[in-house]
PDB file of N, CA and C in Angstrom:
ATOM      1  N   MET A   1     -19.765  13.629 -14.109  1.00  0.00           N
ATOM      2  CA  MET A   1     -18.885  13.447 -12.980  1.00  0.00           C
ATOM      3  C   MET A   1     -17.743  12.517 -13.399  1.00  0.00           C
ATOM      4  N   PRO A   2     -16.494  12.839 -13.031  1.00  0.00           N
ATOM      5  CA  PRO A   2     -15.358  11.973 -13.365  1.00  0.00           C
ATOM      6  C   PRO A   2     -15.473  10.604 -12.673  1.00  0.00           C
ATOM      7  N   HIS A   3     -14.896   9.626 -13.306  1.00  0.00           N
ATOM      8  CA  HIS A   3     -14.864   8.263 -12.750  1.00  0.00           C
ATOM      9  C   HIS A   3     -13.415   7.777 -12.790  1.00  0.00           C
ATOM     10  N   ILE A   4     -12.862   7.432 -11.628  1.00  0.00           N
ATOM     11  CA  ILE A   4     -11.485   6.949 -11.584  1.00  0.00           C
ATOM     12  C   ILE A   4     -11.470   5.533 -12.144  1.00  0.00           C
ATOM     13  N   ALA A   5     -10.671   5.324 -13.187  1.00  0.00           N
ATOM     14  CA  ALA A   5     -10.600   4.029 -13.858  1.00  0.00           C
ATOM     15  C   ALA A   5      -9.507   3.149 -13.277  1.00  0.00           C
ATOM     16  N   ALA A   6      -8.423   3.758 -12.785  1.00  0.00           N
ATOM     17  CA  ALA A   6      -7.315   2.968 -12.255  1.00  0.00           C
ATOM     18  C   ALA A   6      -6.463   3.822 -11.339  1.00  0.00           C
ATOM     19  N   ILE A   7      -5.817   3.167 -10.392  1.00  0.00           N
ATOM     20  CA  ILE A   7      -4.813   3.790  -9.541  1.00  0.00           C
ATOM     21  C   ILE A   7      -3.523   3.019  -9.793  1.00  0.00           C
ATOM     22  N   SER A   8      -2.476   3.736 -10.199  1.00  0.00           N
ATOM     23  CA  SER A   8      -1.200   3.104 -10.522  1.00  0.00           C
ATOM     24  C   SER A   8      -0.195   3.352  -9.408  1.00  0.00           C
ATOM     25  N   ILE A   9       0.513   2.294  -9.044  1.00  0.00           N
ATOM     26  CA  ILE A   9       1.579   2.367  -8.047  1.00  0.00           C
ATOM     27  C   ILE A   9       2.861   2.018  -8.786  1.00  0.00           C
ATOM     28  N   TYR A  10       3.791   2.969  -8.871  1.00  0.00           N
ATOM     29  CA  TYR A  10       5.032   2.746  -9.603  1.00  0.00           C
ATOM     30  C   TYR A  10       6.067   2.112  -8.677  1.00  0.00           C
ATOM     31  N   VAL A  11       6.647   1.018  -9.156  1.00  0.00           N
ATOM     32  CA  VAL A  11       7.598   0.232  -8.367  1.00  0.00           C
ATOM     33  C   VAL A  11       8.833  -0.061  -9.198  1.00  0.00           C
ATOM     34  N   ASP A  12       9.979  -0.127  -8.549  1.00  0.00           N
ATOM     35  CA  ASP A  12      11.217  -0.375  -9.298  1.00  0.00           C
ATOM     36  C   ASP A  12      11.563  -1.854  -9.405  1.00  0.00           C
ATOM     37  N   ASP A  13      10.935  -2.715  -8.609  1.00  0.00           N
ATOM     38  CA  ASP A  13      11.183  -4.154  -8.680  1.00  0.00           C
ATOM     39  C   ASP A  13       9.820  -4.849  -8.637  1.00  0.00           C
ATOM     40  N   MET A  14       9.350  -5.254  -9.806  1.00  0.00           N
ATOM     41  CA  MET A  14       7.998  -5.815  -9.918  1.00  0.00           C
ATOM     42  C   MET A  14       7.831  -7.074  -9.061  1.00  0.00           C
ATOM     43  N   ASP A  15       8.822  -7.955  -9.049  1.00  0.00           N
ATOM     44  CA  ASP A  15       8.689  -9.189  -8.277  1.00  0.00           C
ATOM     45  C   ASP A  15       8.578  -8.912  -6.780  1.00  0.00           C
ATOM     46  N   LYS A  16       9.395  -7.996  -6.265  1.00  0.00           N
ATOM     47  CA  LYS A  16       9.305  -7.629  -4.840  1.00  0.00           C
ATOM     48  C   LYS A  16       7.962  -6.965  -4.542  1.00  0.00           C
ATOM     49  N   ALA A  17       7.500  -6.114  -5.460  1.00  0.00           N
ATOM     50  CA  ALA A  17       6.220  -5.429  -5.252  1.00  0.00           C
ATOM     51  C   ALA A  17       5.065  -6.420  -5.243  1.00  0.00           C
ATOM     52  N   ILE A  18       5.071  -7.357  -6.186  1.00  0.00           N
ATOM     53  CA  ILE A  18       4.007  -8.361  -6.215  1.00  0.00           C
ATOM     54  C   ILE A  18       4.014  -9.155  -4.907  1.00  0.00           C
ATOM     55  N   ALA A  19       5.181  -9.593  -4.466  1.00  0.00           N
ATOM     56  CA  ALA A  19       5.274 -10.352  -3.218  1.00  0.00           C
ATOM     57  C   ALA A  19       4.752  -9.534  -2.042  1.00  0.00           C
ATOM     58  N   PHE A  20       5.104  -8.253  -1.973  1.00  0.00           N
ATOM     59  CA  PHE A  20       4.658  -7.396  -0.873  1.00  0.00           C
ATOM     60  C   PHE A  20       3.142  -7.225  -0.882  1.00  0.00           C
ATOM     61  N   TYR A  21       2.592  -6.820  -2.018  1.00  0.00           N
ATOM     62  CA  TYR A  21       1.149  -6.555  -2.076  1.00  0.00           C
ATOM     63  C   TYR A  21       0.333  -7.841  -1.951  1.00  0.00           C
ATOM     64  N   ARG A  22       0.862  -8.949  -2.412  1.00  0.00           N
ATOM     65  CA  ARG A  22       0.172 -10.240  -2.324  1.00  0.00           C
ATOM     66  C   ARG A  22       0.367 -10.868  -0.941  1.00  0.00           C
ATOM     67  N   ASP A  23       1.614 -11.087  -0.547  1.00  0.00           N
ATOM     68  CA  ASP A  23       1.905 -11.851   0.670  1.00  0.00           C
ATOM     69  C   ASP A  23       1.777 -11.042   1.955  1.00  0.00           C
ATOM     70  N   THR A  24       2.119  -9.763   1.904  1.00  0.00           N
ATOM     71  CA  THR A  24       2.069  -8.930   3.106  1.00  0.00           C
ATOM     72  C   THR A  24       0.715  -8.257   3.280  1.00  0.00           C
ATOM     73  N   LEU A  25       0.169  -7.692   2.199  1.00  0.00           N
ATOM     74  CA  LEU A  25      -1.097  -6.963   2.316  1.00  0.00           C
ATOM     75  C   LEU A  25      -2.324  -7.783   1.912  1.00  0.00           C
ATOM     76  N   GLY A  26      -2.127  -8.924   1.258  1.00  0.00           N
ATOM     77  CA  GLY A  26      -3.244  -9.821   0.991  1.00  0.00           C
ATOM     78  C   GLY A  26      -3.973  -9.639  -0.326  1.00  0.00           C
ATOM     79  N   PHE A  27      -3.455  -8.836  -1.247  1.00  0.00           N
ATOM     80  CA  PHE A  27      -4.094  -8.682  -2.558  1.00  0.00           C
ATOM     81  C   PHE A  27      -3.777  -9.891  -3.429  1.00  0.00           C
ATOM     82  N   GLY A  28      -4.725 -10.299  -4.238  1.00  0.00           N
ATOM     83  CA  GLY A  28      -4.456 -11.310  -5.247  1.00  0.00           C
ATOM     84  C   GLY A  28      -3.924 -10.634  -6.500  1.00  0.00           C
ATOM     85  N   VAL A  29      -3.398 -11.421  -7.402  1.00  0.00           N
ATOM     86  CA  VAL A  29      -2.970 -10.907  -8.701  1.00  0.00           C
ATOM     87  C   VAL A  29      -4.063 -11.266  -9.696  1.00  0.00           C
ATOM     88  N   ARG A  30      -4.704 -10.249 -10.256  1.00  0.00           N
ATOM     89  CA  ARG A  30      -5.791 -10.457 -11.216  1.00  0.00           C
ATOM     90  C   ARG A  30      -5.242 -10.745 -12.603  1.00  0.00           C
ATOM     91  N   ALA A  31      -4.234  -9.963 -13.006  1.00  0.00           N
ATOM     92  CA  ALA A  31      -3.703 -10.121 -14.364  1.00  0.00           C
ATOM     93  C   ALA A  31      -2.302  -9.544 -14.435  1.00  0.00           C
ATOM     94  N   ARG A  32      -1.533 -10.091 -15.351  1.00  0.00           N
ATOM     95  CA  ARG A  32      -0.201  -9.562 -15.649  1.00  0.00           C
ATOM     96  C   ARG A  32      -0.043  -9.616 -17.165  1.00  0.00           C
ATOM     97  N   PRO A  33      -0.694  -8.661 -17.852  1.00  0.00           N
ATOM     98  CA  PRO A  33      -0.741  -8.715 -19.316  1.00  0.00           C
ATOM     99  C   PRO A  33       0.627  -8.569 -19.987  1.00  0.00           C
ATOM    100  N   VAL A  34       1.509  -7.858 -19.353  1.00  0.00           N
ATOM    101  CA  VAL A  34       2.880  -7.683 -19.830  1.00  0.00           C
ATOM    102  C   VAL A  34       3.776  -7.634 -18.592  1.00  0.00           C
ATOM    103  N   PRO A  35       5.077  -7.898 -18.735  1.00  0.00           N
ATOM    104  CA  PRO A  35       5.947  -7.958 -17.559  1.00  0.00           C
ATOM    105  C   PRO A  35       6.019  -6.669 -16.731  1.00  0.00           C
ATOM    106  N   PHE A  36       5.690  -5.524 -17.327  1.00  0.00           N
ATOM    107  CA  PHE A  36       5.823  -4.260 -16.606  1.00  0.00           C
ATOM    108  C   PHE A  36       4.509  -3.746 -16.021  1.00  0.00           C
ATOM    109  N   ILE A  37       3.447  -4.550 -16.061  1.00  0.00           N
ATOM    110  CA  ILE A  37       2.154  -4.152 -15.482  1.00  0.00           C
ATOM    111  C   ILE A  37       1.541  -5.360 -14.781  1.00  0.00           C
ATOM    112  N   THR A  38       1.089  -5.145 -13.538  1.00  0.00           N
ATOM    113  CA  THR A  38       0.379  -6.181 -12.786  1.00  0.00           C
ATOM    114  C   THR A  38      -0.869  -5.550 -12.188  1.00  0.00           C
ATOM    115  N   GLU A  39      -2.021  -6.159 -12.440  1.00  0.00           N
ATOM    116  CA  GLU A  39      -3.267  -5.683 -11.840  1.00  0.00           C
ATOM    117  C   GLU A  39      -3.551  -6.512 -10.601  1.00  0.00           C
ATOM    118  N   LEU A  40      -3.764  -5.822  -9.486  1.00  0.00           N
ATOM    119  CA  LEU A  40      -4.065  -6.493  -8.225  1.00  0.00           C
ATOM    120  C   LEU A  40      -5.563  -6.734  -8.112  1.00  0.00           C
ATOM    121  N   GLU A  41      -5.926  -7.808  -7.462  1.00  0.00           N
ATOM    122  CA  GLU A  41      -7.316  -8.200  -7.297  1.00  0.00           C
ATOM    123  C   GLU A  41      -7.882  -7.620  -6.004  1.00  0.00           C
ATOM    124  N   HIS A  42      -8.997  -6.920  -6.120  1.00  0.00           N
ATOM    125  CA  HIS A  42      -9.704  -6.367  -4.962  1.00  0.00           C
ATOM    126  C   HIS A  42     -11.019  -5.794  -5.450  1.00  0.00           C
ATOM    127  N   ASP A  43     -11.857  -5.330  -4.538  1.00  0.00           N
ATOM    128  CA  ASP A  43     -13.119  -4.691  -4.917  1.00  0.00           C
ATOM    129  C   ASP A  43     -12.857  -3.251  -5.310  1.00  0.00           C
ATOM    130  N   GLY A  44     -13.488  -2.811  -6.379  1.00  0.00           N
ATOM    131  CA  GLY A  44     -13.423  -1.401  -6.737  1.00  0.00           C
ATOM    132  C   GLY A  44     -12.503  -1.093  -7.906  1.00  0.00           C
ATOM    133  N   THR A  45     -12.021   0.135  -7.918  1.00  0.00           N
ATOM    134  CA  THR A  45     -11.184   0.666  -8.976  1.00  0.00           C
ATOM    135  C   THR A  45      -9.932  -0.184  -9.165  1.00  0.00           C
ATOM    136  N   ALA A  46      -9.527  -0.353 -10.415  1.00  0.00           N
ATOM    137  CA  ALA A  46      -8.329  -1.151 -10.710  1.00  0.00           C
ATOM    138  C   ALA A  46      -7.115  -0.574  -9.985  1.00  0.00           C
ATOM    139  N   LEU A  47      -6.351  -1.464  -9.364  1.00  0.00           N
ATOM    140  CA  LEU A  47      -5.127  -1.096  -8.676  1.00  0.00           C
ATOM    141  C   LEU A  47      -3.989  -1.771  -9.431  1.00  0.00           C
ATOM    142  N   ILE A  48      -3.122  -0.960 -10.036  1.00  0.00           N
ATOM    143  CA  ILE A  48      -2.123  -1.446 -10.979  1.00  0.00           C
ATOM    144  C   ILE A  48      -0.709  -1.178 -10.467  1.00  0.00           C
ATOM    145  N   LEU A  49       0.137  -2.201 -10.484  1.00  0.00           N
ATOM    146  CA  LEU A  49       1.568  -2.018 -10.250  1.00  0.00           C
ATOM    147  C   LEU A  49       2.210  -1.773 -11.607  1.00  0.00           C
ATOM    148  N   CYS A  50       2.979  -0.691 -11.715  1.00  0.00           N
ATOM    149  CA  CYS A  50       3.640  -0.327 -12.976  1.00  0.00           C
ATOM    150  C   CYS A  50       5.140  -0.253 -12.748  1.00  0.00           C
ATOM    151  N   GLN A  51       5.885  -0.808 -13.679  1.00  0.00           N
ATOM    152  CA  GLN A  51       7.336  -0.816 -13.582  1.00  0.00           C
ATOM    153  C   GLN A  51       7.906   0.596 -13.730  1.00  0.00           C
ATOM    154  N   ALA A  52       8.794   0.966 -12.825  1.00  0.00           N
ATOM    155  CA  ALA A  52       9.531   2.227 -12.885  1.00  0.00           C
ATOM    156  C   ALA A  52      11.015   1.894 -12.914  1.00  0.00           C
ATOM    157  N   GLU A  53      11.829   2.822 -13.335  1.00  0.00           N
ATOM    158  CA  GLU A  53      13.272   2.575 -13.393  1.00  0.00           C
ATOM    159  C   GLU A  53      13.939   2.664 -12.030  1.00  0.00           C
ATOM    160  N   GLN A  54      13.385   3.492 -11.145  1.00  0.00           N
ATOM    161  CA  GLN A  54      13.991   3.660  -9.826  1.00  0.00           C
ATOM    162  C   GLN A  54      12.914   3.958  -8.797  1.00  0.00           C
ATOM    163  N   PRO A  55      13.194   3.691  -7.522  1.00  0.00           N
ATOM    164  CA  PRO A  55      12.211   4.012  -6.485  1.00  0.00           C
ATOM    165  C   PRO A  55      12.090   5.526  -6.334  1.00  0.00           C
ATOM    166  N   SER A  56      10.976   5.952  -5.794  1.00  0.00           N
ATOM    167  CA  SER A  56      10.791   7.398  -5.581  1.00  0.00           C
ATOM    168  C   SER A  56      10.118   7.635  -4.235  1.00  0.00           C
ATOM    169  N   PRO A  57      10.832   7.320  -3.152  1.00  0.00           N
ATOM    170  CA  PRO A  57      10.209   7.504  -1.837  1.00  0.00           C
ATOM    171  C   PRO A  57       9.909   8.975  -1.550  1.00  0.00           C
ATOM    172  N   MET A  58       8.734   9.212  -0.999  1.00  0.00           N
ATOM    173  CA  MET A  58       8.371  10.574  -0.633  1.00  0.00           C
ATOM    174  C   MET A  58       8.716  10.809   0.830  1.00  0.00           C
ATOM    175  N   GLU A  59       8.838  12.052   1.188  1.00  0.00           N
ATOM    176  CA  GLU A  59       9.126  12.414   2.571  1.00  0.00           C
ATOM    177  C   GLU A  59       7.792  12.545   3.303  1.00  0.00           C
ATOM    178  N   TYR A  60       7.265  11.420   3.719  1.00  0.00           N
ATOM    179  CA  TYR A  60       5.951  11.344   4.352  1.00  0.00           C
ATOM    180  C   TYR A  60       6.025  11.854   5.782  1.00  0.00           C
ATOM    181  N   PRO A  61       5.091  12.624   6.233  1.00  0.00           N
ATOM    182  CA  PRO A  61       3.984  13.266   5.550  1.00  0.00           C
ATOM    183  C   PRO A  61       4.304  14.698   5.131  1.00  0.00           C
ATOM    184  N   VAL A  62       5.589  15.037   5.028  1.00  0.00           N
ATOM    185  CA  VAL A  62       6.002  16.408   4.738  1.00  0.00           C
ATOM    186  C   VAL A  62       5.754  16.798   3.290  1.00  0.00           C
ATOM    187  N   SER A  63       6.132  15.940   2.350  1.00  0.00           N
ATOM    188  CA  SER A  63       5.986  16.287   0.941  1.00  0.00           C
ATOM    189  C   SER A  63       4.674  15.747   0.382  1.00  0.00           C
ATOM    190  N   GLY A  64       4.258  16.329  -0.710  1.00  0.00           N
ATOM    191  CA  GLY A  64       3.039  15.887  -1.365  1.00  0.00           C
ATOM    192  C   GLY A  64       3.253  14.557  -2.054  1.00  0.00           C
ATOM    193  N   GLY A  65       2.190  13.818  -2.201  1.00  0.00           N
ATOM    194  CA  GLY A  65       2.243  12.536  -2.885  1.00  0.00           C
ATOM    195  C   GLY A  65       0.933  11.807  -2.679  1.00  0.00           C
ATOM    196  N   THR A  66       0.776  10.710  -3.378  1.00  0.00           N
ATOM    197  CA  THR A  66      -0.432   9.908  -3.263  1.00  0.00           C
ATOM    198  C   THR A  66      -0.185   8.765  -2.294  1.00  0.00           C
ATOM    199  N   VAL A  67      -1.131   8.526  -1.423  1.00  0.00           N
ATOM    200  CA  VAL A  67      -1.036   7.458  -0.433  1.00  0.00           C
ATOM    201  C   VAL A  67      -2.268   6.575  -0.591  1.00  0.00           C
ATOM    202  N   ILE A  68      -2.053   5.279  -0.668  1.00  0.00           N
ATOM    203  CA  ILE A  68      -3.162   4.327  -0.730  1.00  0.00           C
ATOM    204  C   ILE A  68      -3.585   4.011   0.701  1.00  0.00           C
ATOM    205  N   GLY A  69      -4.884   4.076   0.989  1.00  0.00           N
ATOM    206  CA  GLY A  69      -5.421   3.730   2.306  1.00  0.00           C
ATOM    207  C   GLY A  69      -6.180   2.412   2.220  1.00  0.00           C
ATOM    208  N   ILE A  70      -5.837   1.467   3.089  1.00  0.00           N
ATOM    209  CA  ILE A  70      -6.459   0.148   3.088  1.00  0.00           C
ATOM    210  C   ILE A  70      -7.121  -0.077   4.438  1.00  0.00           C
ATOM    211  N   ALA A  71      -8.396  -0.481   4.429  1.00  0.00           N
ATOM    212  CA  ALA A  71      -9.138  -0.710   5.665  1.00  0.00           C
ATOM    213  C   ALA A  71      -8.651  -1.969   6.372  1.00  0.00           C
ATOM    214  N   GLU A  72      -8.520  -1.881   7.682  1.00  0.00           N
ATOM    215  CA  GLU A  72      -8.140  -2.998   8.559  1.00  0.00           C
ATOM    216  C   GLU A  72      -9.111  -3.032   9.723  1.00  0.00           C
ATOM    217  N   THR A  73      -9.192  -4.182  10.404  1.00  0.00           N
ATOM    218  CA  THR A  73     -10.105  -4.280  11.546  1.00  0.00           C
ATOM    219  C   THR A  73      -9.396  -4.216  12.897  1.00  0.00           C
ATOM    220  N   ASP A  74      -8.119  -4.582  12.976  1.00  0.00           N
ATOM    221  CA  ASP A  74      -7.368  -4.528  14.240  1.00  0.00           C
ATOM    222  C   ASP A  74      -5.976  -3.987  13.934  1.00  0.00           C
ATOM    223  N   ILE A  75      -5.867  -2.675  13.911  1.00  0.00           N
ATOM    224  CA  ILE A  75      -4.636  -2.013  13.459  1.00  0.00           C
ATOM    225  C   ILE A  75      -3.457  -2.284  14.396  1.00  0.00           C
ATOM    226  N   ALA A  76      -3.695  -2.395  15.696  1.00  0.00           N
ATOM    227  CA  ALA A  76      -2.605  -2.652  16.636  1.00  0.00           C
ATOM    228  C   ALA A  76      -2.000  -4.037  16.399  1.00  0.00           C
ATOM    229  N   ALA A  77      -2.841  -5.047  16.219  1.00  0.00           N
ATOM    230  CA  ALA A  77      -2.353  -6.403  15.951  1.00  0.00           C
ATOM    231  C   ALA A  77      -1.631  -6.447  14.609  1.00  0.00           C
ATOM    232  N   ARG A  78      -2.163  -5.750  13.628  1.00  0.00           N
ATOM    233  CA  ARG A  78      -1.540  -5.730  12.293  1.00  0.00           C
ATOM    234  C   ARG A  78      -0.174  -5.058  12.348  1.00  0.00           C
ATOM    235  N   ALA A  79      -0.042  -3.994  13.137  1.00  0.00           N
ATOM    236  CA  ALA A  79       1.247  -3.306  13.283  1.00  0.00           C
ATOM    237  C   ALA A  79       2.282  -4.255  13.886  1.00  0.00           C
ATOM    238  N   ARG A  80       1.894  -5.013  14.901  1.00  0.00           N
ATOM    239  CA  ARG A  80       2.825  -5.973  15.519  1.00  0.00           C
ATOM    240  C   ARG A  80       3.237  -7.056  14.522  1.00  0.00           C
ATOM    241  N   GLU A  81       2.273  -7.556  13.770  1.00  0.00           N
ATOM    242  CA  GLU A  81       2.536  -8.594  12.774  1.00  0.00           C
ATOM    243  C   GLU A  81       3.486  -8.085  11.686  1.00  0.00           C
ATOM    244  N   LEU A  82       3.240  -6.886  11.203  1.00  0.00           N
ATOM    245  CA  LEU A  82       4.087  -6.320  10.148  1.00  0.00           C
ATOM    246  C   LEU A  82       5.496  -6.028  10.662  1.00  0.00           C
ATOM    247  N   ALA A  83       5.598  -5.524  11.889  1.00  0.00           N
ATOM    248  CA  ALA A  83       6.914  -5.250  12.472  1.00  0.00           C
ATOM    249  C   ALA A  83       7.710  -6.546  12.616  1.00  0.00           C
ATOM    250  N   ALA A  84       7.049  -7.605  13.048  1.00  0.00           N
ATOM    251  CA  ALA A  84       7.716  -8.894  13.219  1.00  0.00           C
ATOM    252  C   ALA A  84       8.186  -9.476  11.893  1.00  0.00           C
ATOM    253  N   SER A  85       7.504  -9.124  10.809  1.00  0.00           N
ATOM    254  CA  SER A  85       7.890  -9.658   9.499  1.00  0.00           C
ATOM    255  C   SER A  85       8.883  -8.750   8.767  1.00  0.00           C
ATOM    256  N   GLY A  86       9.314  -7.666   9.421  1.00  0.00           N
ATOM    257  CA  GLY A  86      10.347  -6.812   8.844  1.00  0.00           C
ATOM    258  C   GLY A  86       9.872  -5.741   7.885  1.00  0.00           C
ATOM    259  N   VAL A  87       8.574  -5.456   7.851  1.00  0.00           N
ATOM    260  CA  VAL A  87       8.050  -4.401   6.981  1.00  0.00           C
ATOM    261  C   VAL A  87       8.551  -3.047   7.479  1.00  0.00           C
ATOM    262  N   ASP A  88       8.839  -2.148   6.558  1.00  0.00           N
ATOM    263  CA  ASP A  88       9.316  -0.798   6.869  1.00  0.00           C
ATOM    264  C   ASP A  88       8.148   0.054   7.372  1.00  0.00           C
ATOM    265  N   LEU A  89       7.936   0.030   8.689  1.00  0.00           N
ATOM    266  CA  LEU A  89       6.836   0.794   9.292  1.00  0.00           C
ATOM    267  C   LEU A  89       7.274   2.228   9.567  1.00  0.00           C
ATOM    268  N   ILE A  90       6.442   3.167   9.184  1.00  0.00           N
ATOM    269  CA  ILE A  90       6.666   4.573   9.526  1.00  0.00           C
ATOM    270  C   ILE A  90       6.152   4.819  10.935  1.00  0.00           C
ATOM    271  N   HIS A  91       5.032   4.190  11.267  1.00  0.00           N
ATOM    272  CA  HIS A  91       4.465   4.229  12.621  1.00  0.00           C
ATOM    273  C   HIS A  91       4.441   2.805  13.156  1.00  0.00           C
ATOM    274  N   THR A  92       5.060   2.571  14.287  1.00  0.00           N
ATOM    275  CA  THR A  92       5.065   1.225  14.863  1.00  0.00           C
ATOM    276  C   THR A  92       3.865   0.981  15.768  1.00  0.00           C
ATOM    277  N   SER A  93       3.150   2.040  16.092  1.00  0.00           N
ATOM    278  CA  SER A  93       1.930   1.899  16.885  1.00  0.00           C
ATOM    279  C   SER A  93       0.849   2.770  16.249  1.00  0.00           C
ATOM    280  N   PRO A  94      -0.423   2.433  16.491  1.00  0.00           N
ATOM    281  CA  PRO A  94      -1.517   3.177  15.870  1.00  0.00           C
ATOM    282  C   PRO A  94      -1.481   4.668  16.200  1.00  0.00           C
ATOM    283  N   GLN A  95      -1.803   5.465  15.191  1.00  0.00           N
ATOM    284  CA  GLN A  95      -1.901   6.918  15.304  1.00  0.00           C
ATOM    285  C   GLN A  95      -3.372   7.297  15.170  1.00  0.00           C
ATOM    286  N   ASP A  96      -3.793   8.296  15.914  1.00  0.00           N
ATOM    287  CA  ASP A  96      -5.182   8.746  15.836  1.00  0.00           C
ATOM    288  C   ASP A  96      -5.400   9.664  14.648  1.00  0.00           C
ATOM    289  N   PHE A  97      -6.569   9.548  14.033  1.00  0.00           N
ATOM    290  CA  PHE A  97      -7.068  10.521  13.067  1.00  0.00           C
ATOM    291  C   PHE A  97      -8.558  10.654  13.335  1.00  0.00           C
ATOM    292  N   PRO A  98      -9.221  11.691  12.827  1.00  0.00           N
ATOM    293  CA  PRO A  98     -10.621  11.917  13.208  1.00  0.00           C
ATOM    294  C   PRO A  98     -11.562  10.731  13.000  1.00  0.00           C
ATOM    295  N   GLY A  99     -11.253   9.838  12.063  1.00  0.00           N
ATOM    296  CA  GLY A  99     -12.138   8.709  11.798  1.00  0.00           C
ATOM    297  C   GLY A  99     -11.760   7.426  12.507  1.00  0.00           C
ATOM    298  N   GLY A 100     -10.638   7.414  13.252  1.00  0.00           N
ATOM    299  CA  GLY A 100     -10.215   6.198  13.919  1.00  0.00           C
ATOM    300  C   GLY A 100      -8.715   6.197  14.166  1.00  0.00           C
ATOM    301  N   GLN A 101      -8.041   5.117  13.741  1.00  0.00           N
ATOM    302  CA  GLN A 101      -6.596   5.001  13.908  1.00  0.00           C
ATOM    303  C   GLN A 101      -5.966   4.476  12.622  1.00  0.00           C
ATOM    304  N   TYR A 102      -4.652   4.718  12.473  1.00  0.00           N
ATOM    305  CA  TYR A 102      -3.946   4.248  11.285  1.00  0.00           C
ATOM    306  C   TYR A 102      -2.483   3.990  11.622  1.00  0.00           C
ATOM    307  N   ILE A 103      -1.843   3.226  10.748  1.00  0.00           N
ATOM    308  CA  ILE A 103      -0.385   3.125  10.724  1.00  0.00           C
ATOM    309  C   ILE A 103       0.030   3.361   9.278  1.00  0.00           C
ATOM    310  N   ALA A 104       1.246   3.820   9.098  1.00  0.00           N
ATOM    311  CA  ALA A 104       1.779   4.031   7.756  1.00  0.00           C
ATOM    312  C   ALA A 104       3.015   3.164   7.593  1.00  0.00           C
ATOM    313  N   LEU A 105       3.210   2.678   6.386  1.00  0.00           N
ATOM    314  CA  LEU A 105       4.350   1.829   6.072  1.00  0.00           C
ATOM    315  C   LEU A 105       4.795   2.102   4.648  1.00  0.00           C
ATOM    316  N   ARG A 106       5.966   1.579   4.299  1.00  0.00           N
ATOM    317  CA  ARG A 106       6.484   1.736   2.939  1.00  0.00           C
ATOM    318  C   ARG A 106       6.532   0.382   2.251  1.00  0.00           C
ATOM    319  N   ASP A 107       6.178   0.376   0.960  1.00  0.00           N
ATOM    320  CA  ASP A 107       6.350  -0.835   0.167  1.00  0.00           C
ATOM    321  C   ASP A 107       7.818  -0.919  -0.249  1.00  0.00           C
ATOM    322  N   PRO A 108       8.254  -1.976  -0.914  1.00  0.00           N
ATOM    323  CA  PRO A 108       9.669  -2.103  -1.273  1.00  0.00           C
ATOM    324  C   PRO A 108      10.217  -0.972  -2.152  1.00  0.00           C
ATOM    325  N   ALA A 109       9.350  -0.261  -2.866  1.00  0.00           N
ATOM    326  CA  ALA A 109       9.797   0.851  -3.711  1.00  0.00           C
ATOM    327  C   ALA A 109       9.777   2.188  -2.970  1.00  0.00           C
ATOM    328  N   GLY A 110       9.323   2.187  -1.714  1.00  0.00           N
ATOM    329  CA  GLY A 110       9.267   3.417  -0.932  1.00  0.00           C
ATOM    330  C   GLY A 110       7.926   4.115  -0.962  1.00  0.00           C
ATOM    331  N   ASN A 111       6.940   3.555  -1.672  1.00  0.00           N
ATOM    332  CA  ASN A 111       5.596   4.135  -1.687  1.00  0.00           C
ATOM    333  C   ASN A 111       4.956   3.964  -0.319  1.00  0.00           C
ATOM    334  N   VAL A 112       4.217   4.972   0.114  1.00  0.00           N
ATOM    335  CA  VAL A 112       3.559   4.918   1.431  1.00  0.00           C
ATOM    336  C   VAL A 112       2.164   4.316   1.299  1.00  0.00           C
ATOM    337  N   VAL A 113       1.873   3.429   2.228  1.00  0.00           N
ATOM    338  CA  VAL A 113       0.548   2.808   2.345  1.00  0.00           C
ATOM    339  C   VAL A 113       0.076   3.066   3.771  1.00  0.00           C
ATOM    340  N   GLU A 114      -1.162   3.496   3.922  1.00  0.00           N
ATOM    341  CA  GLU A 114      -1.750   3.656   5.241  1.00  0.00           C
ATOM    342  C   GLU A 114      -2.770   2.547   5.473  1.00  0.00           C
ATOM    343  N   LEU A 115      -2.698   1.913   6.616  1.00  0.00           N
ATOM    344  CA  LEU A 115      -3.691   0.945   7.020  1.00  0.00           C
ATOM    345  C   LEU A 115      -4.594   1.641   8.025  1.00  0.00           C
ATOM    346  N   LEU A 116      -5.892   1.643   7.749  1.00  0.00           N
ATOM    347  CA  LEU A 116      -6.868   2.445   8.489  1.00  0.00           C
ATOM    348  C   LEU A 116      -7.854   1.579   9.241  1.00  0.00           C
ATOM    349  N   GLU A 117      -8.049   1.872  10.518  1.00  0.00           N
ATOM    350  CA  GLU A 117      -9.114   1.227  11.295  1.00  0.00           C
ATOM    351  C   GLU A 117     -10.103   2.322  11.667  1.00  0.00           C
ATOM    352  N   PHE A 118     -11.282   2.214  11.091  1.00  0.00           N
ATOM    353  CA  PHE A 118     -12.300   3.243  11.318  1.00  0.00           C
ATOM    354  C   PHE A 118     -13.053   2.971  12.609  1.00  0.00           C
ATOM    355  N   ALA A 119     -13.330   4.029  13.357  1.00  0.00           N
ATOM    356  CA  ALA A 119     -14.100   3.925  14.598  1.00  0.00           C
ATOM    357  C   ALA A 119     -15.537   3.551  14.243  1.00  0.00           C
ATOM    358  N   VAL A 120     -16.124   2.768  15.095  1.00  0.00           N
ATOM    359  CA  VAL A 120     -17.514   2.352  14.842  1.00  0.00           C
ATOM    360  C   VAL A 120     -18.514   3.301  15.402  1.00  0.00           C
TER     361      VAL A 120
END
């Protein structure tokens, strides 16, 4: 059976990306072995920020692409907090999906991140 070793998120401005994933989403920085790679700290598969030359925003949810899903416990409160801090929210209020609710947002490079609150 295949085993995912890493998930890479390509960003055009490493410093802005580190600040976003650290300060806005709460990830720690595990390692920065070279200036163009940063490993984020969390449980599970390695999550890596990789330097790209330019942003590549996808047309969410119309076009194909990879979206990182992060579990949250109070998605409505988190949406208000992120909106107040100026984060580029795709959904300003929770959206329903079969497992609960979510909001989608863009990181500074235009990558889409979904914050998921699972129904109990």
